Amino acid sequence: MGFRQIGGIFIISNDKDMTQGKQIDILWKAINKQGRYIESLEKEVAILKKDSHPPVFKKEQCEDFNKRLEAVEAFIDNIQLIDKGEFN
């Protein structure tokens, strides 16, 4: 058993059992399998690109929303404290 390089790829070969043609067939099968995998990934990327959209809000708007939300939450917390009689 030894290593043999075919097309820049090293493969393990048993010179008694495998001819160069059979090794090339094995390599082509592996290449075809990888090609099909790449094609499936490209299809998934195309679907994601089609379904994606630019951000709805800018970063500054999100920060403003967060400040407003904090104010609303504080207001609601104060109302809950008043309802419980804990707010002075």
Protein backbone atom coordinates (compact mmCIF):
# COMPACT_ATOMS: atom_id res chain seq x y z
CA MET A 1 0.00 0.00 0.00
CA GLY A 2 1.27 3.46 -0.83
CA PHE A 3 0.36 6.95 -1.84
CA ARG A 4 -0.10 8.01 -5.40
CA GLN A 5 -0.78 11.48 -6.74
CA ILE A 6 -3.34 11.93 -9.49
CA GLY A 7 -4.24 15.41 -10.63
CA GLY A 8 -2.71 17.04 -7.56
CA ILE A 9 -4.65 14.79 -5.16
CA PHE A 10 -2.97 12.12 -3.11
CA ILE A 11 -4.81 8.85 -2.81
CA ILE A 12 -4.03 5.66 -0.99
CA SER A 13 -3.46 2.88 -3.42
CA ASN A 14 -2.68 -0.75 -3.38
CA ASP A 15 -0.79 -1.16 -6.62
CA LYS A 16 -1.75 -4.82 -6.86
CA ASP A 17 -5.51 -4.24 -6.72
CA MET A 18 -6.12 -0.83 -8.27
CA THR A 19 -5.23 0.26 -11.73
CA GLN A 20 -4.74 3.89 -12.57
CA GLY A 21 -8.03 3.89 -14.48
CA LYS A 22 -9.93 2.65 -11.45
CA GLN A 23 -8.29 5.29 -9.26
CA ILE A 24 -9.29 7.99 -11.74
CA ASP A 25 -12.87 6.67 -11.70
CA ILE A 26 -12.90 6.92 -7.91
CA LEU A 27 -11.61 10.49 -8.10
CA TRP A 28 -14.26 11.48 -10.66
CA LYS A 29 -16.99 10.05 -8.44
CA ALA A 30 -15.68 12.09 -5.51
CA ILE A 31 -15.47 15.22 -7.68
CA ASN A 32 -19.02 14.71 -8.97
CA LYS A 33 -20.32 14.24 -5.43
CA GLN A 34 -18.66 17.48 -4.32
CA GLY A 35 -20.05 19.23 -7.41
CA ARG A 36 -23.60 18.15 -6.55
CA TYR A 37 -23.08 19.36 -2.98
CA ILE A 38 -21.85 22.76 -4.23
CA GLU A 39 -24.86 23.03 -6.55
CA SER A 40 -27.24 22.35 -3.67
CA LEU A 41 -25.51 25.03 -1.58
CA GLU A 42 -25.77 27.50 -4.46
CA LYS A 43 -29.52 26.80 -4.69
CA GLU A 44 -29.94 27.44 -0.97
CA VAL A 45 -28.00 30.71 -1.23
CA ALA A 46 -30.21 31.80 -4.14
CA ILE A 47 -33.33 31.12 -2.07
CA LEU A 48 -31.92 33.07 0.87
CA LYS A 49 -31.01 36.00 -1.38
CA LYS A 50 -34.51 35.99 -2.87
CA ASP A 51 -36.17 35.92 0.55
CA SER A 52 -33.91 38.50 2.17
CA HIS A 53 -34.51 42.22 2.25
CA PRO A 54 -32.58 45.27 3.38
CA PRO A 55 -32.98 46.26 7.03
CA VAL A 56 -36.31 47.90 7.77
CA PHE A 57 -34.86 50.35 10.30
CA LYS A 58 -31.55 52.15 10.48
CA LYS A 59 -29.32 51.67 13.51
CA GLU A 60 -30.17 55.15 14.85
CA GLN A 61 -33.87 54.38 14.62
CA CYS A 62 -33.39 51.14 16.56
CA GLU A 63 -31.54 53.00 19.31
CA ASP A 64 -34.39 55.52 19.47
CA PHE A 65 -36.92 52.68 19.69
CA ASN A 66 -34.95 51.12 22.54
CA LYS A 67 -34.97 54.41 24.49
CA ARG A 68 -38.70 54.81 23.92
CA LEU A 69 -39.34 51.21 24.94
CA GLU A 70 -37.36 51.67 28.15
CA ALA A 71 -39.46 54.74 28.97
CA VAL A 72 -42.70 52.84 28.33
CA GLU A 73 -41.52 49.89 30.43
CA ALA A 74 -40.60 52.23 33.30
CA PHE A 75 -44.03 53.86 33.05
CA ILE A 76 -45.76 50.46 33.16
CA ASP A 77 -43.62 49.39 36.13
CA ASN A 78 -44.67 52.54 38.01
CA ILE A 79 -48.34 51.84 37.25
CA GLN A 80 -47.95 48.32 38.60
CA LEU A 81 -46.32 49.66 41.78
CA ILE A 82 -49.21 52.14 42.23
CA ASP A 83 -51.74 49.33 41.77
CA LYS A 84 -49.98 47.32 44.47
CA GLY A 85 -49.81 50.36 46.77
CA GLU A 86 -46.02 50.22 46.86
CA PHE A 87 -45.37 53.53 45.08
CA ASN A 88 -45.10 56.67 47.26
